[in-house]
Amino acid sequence: MGLTHAKATVANPANPRRAARFTFLVDSGAGSGMRSYSLKRSVAPSPVIFGERGDSVLVGTVSLEALRLMLDAIKRVLRPLPMVLG
């Protein structure tokens, strides 16, 4: 299996002008740990864990679900999360 990367913008919800664009490693098994993400035309708040300068930039399960996206591990692309009626 290869790695999947996605470009996304992260912004401070209290001040959306404070934003930065990153290339994230997509990890569907990792939680991310509150910022606002904008990825593939989806915008949603999600928790953020800040690391040290030079650490990997990762988007995990919590953020993907907030954005209503899922990782297609076979094709290594992000797809819309299907709506599940409970």
Protein backbone atom coordinates (compact mmCIF):
# COMPACT_ATOMS: atom_id res chain seq x y z
CA MET A 1 0.00 0.00 0.00
CA GLY A 2 1.15 3.51 -0.75
CA LEU A 3 0.62 6.77 1.07
CA THR A 4 -2.24 9.14 0.32
CA HIS A 5 -1.78 12.90 0.51
CA ALA A 6 -4.35 15.69 0.20
CA LYS A 7 -4.01 19.47 0.11
CA ALA A 8 -6.20 21.29 2.62
CA THR A 9 -6.54 24.68 4.23
CA VAL A 10 -6.64 25.00 8.01
CA ALA A 11 -8.12 28.16 9.55
CA ASN A 12 -8.89 29.58 12.96
CA PRO A 13 -12.73 29.65 13.24
CA ALA A 14 -12.53 32.79 15.40
CA ASN A 15 -10.44 34.52 12.74
CA PRO A 16 -10.78 32.78 9.33
CA ARG A 17 -8.19 35.11 7.81
CA ARG A 18 -5.60 33.23 9.86
CA ALA A 19 -5.31 30.26 7.56
CA ALA A 20 -2.59 28.10 6.08
CA ARG A 21 -2.54 25.53 3.30
CA PHE A 22 -0.80 22.20 3.88
CA THR A 23 -0.29 18.88 2.16
CA PHE A 24 -1.59 16.32 4.66
CA LEU A 25 -0.84 12.65 4.95
CA VAL A 26 -4.28 10.98 5.08
CA ASP A 27 -4.51 8.39 7.84
CA SER A 28 -7.96 6.86 8.15
CA GLY A 29 -6.89 5.06 11.32
CA ALA A 30 -5.65 8.13 13.19
CA GLY A 31 -7.66 10.53 15.27
CA SER A 32 -6.75 14.17 14.99
CA GLY A 33 -6.65 15.79 17.92
CA MET A 34 -10.23 22.76 17.05
CA ARG A 35 -9.51 24.28 13.78
CA SER A 36 -11.59 24.57 10.63
CA TYR A 37 -10.55 22.41 7.69
CA SER A 38 -11.37 23.03 4.04
CA LEU A 39 -10.76 20.00 1.88
CA LYS A 40 -12.32 19.00 -1.45
CA ARG A 41 -14.94 21.79 -1.15
CA SER A 42 -15.98 20.61 2.32
CA VAL A 43 -15.56 22.89 5.33
CA ALA A 44 -15.96 21.68 8.91
CA PRO A 45 -14.52 22.31 12.36
CA SER A 46 -12.32 19.60 13.81
CA PRO A 47 -9.93 19.22 16.74
CA VAL A 48 -6.23 19.76 16.04
CA ILE A 49 -3.12 18.56 17.83
CA PHE A 50 -0.09 20.78 17.36
CA GLY A 51 3.32 19.16 17.18
CA GLU A 52 6.83 20.44 16.78
CA ARG A 53 8.20 22.19 13.70
CA GLY A 54 9.14 19.55 11.13
CA ASP A 55 6.59 16.97 12.34
CA SER A 56 4.40 15.25 9.77
CA VAL A 57 1.13 16.97 8.89
CA LEU A 58 -1.65 14.42 9.28
CA VAL A 59 -5.41 14.41 8.78
CA GLY A 60 -7.15 11.57 10.60
CA THR A 61 -10.50 9.89 11.05
CA VAL A 62 -12.12 12.58 13.20
CA SER A 63 -11.41 15.32 10.65
CA LEU A 64 -12.38 13.14 7.67
CA GLU A 65 -15.73 12.32 9.29
CA ALA A 66 -16.33 16.00 10.11
CA LEU A 67 -15.71 16.81 6.45
CA ARG A 68 -17.98 13.91 5.41
CA LEU A 69 -15.11 12.27 3.53
CA MET A 70 -13.63 8.79 3.55
CA LEU A 71 -10.43 7.32 2.22
CA ASP A 72 -10.76 4.88 -0.67
CA ALA A 73 -7.73 2.80 0.30
CA ILE A 74 -7.67 0.91 -3.01
CA LYS A 75 -7.61 3.97 -5.29
CA ARG A 76 -5.97 6.17 -2.63
CA VAL A 77 -8.38 9.07 -3.06
CA LEU A 78 -10.86 10.85 -0.81
CA ARG A 79 -14.51 10.23 -1.57
CA PRO A 80 -17.75 11.59 -0.12
CA LEU A 81 -18.87 9.63 2.92
CA PRO A 82 -22.18 7.93 2.10
CA MET A 83 -25.09 8.95 4.30
CA VAL A 84 -26.13 6.16 6.62
CA LEU A 85 -29.67 6.14 7.93
CA GLY A 86 -29.87 4.65 11.42
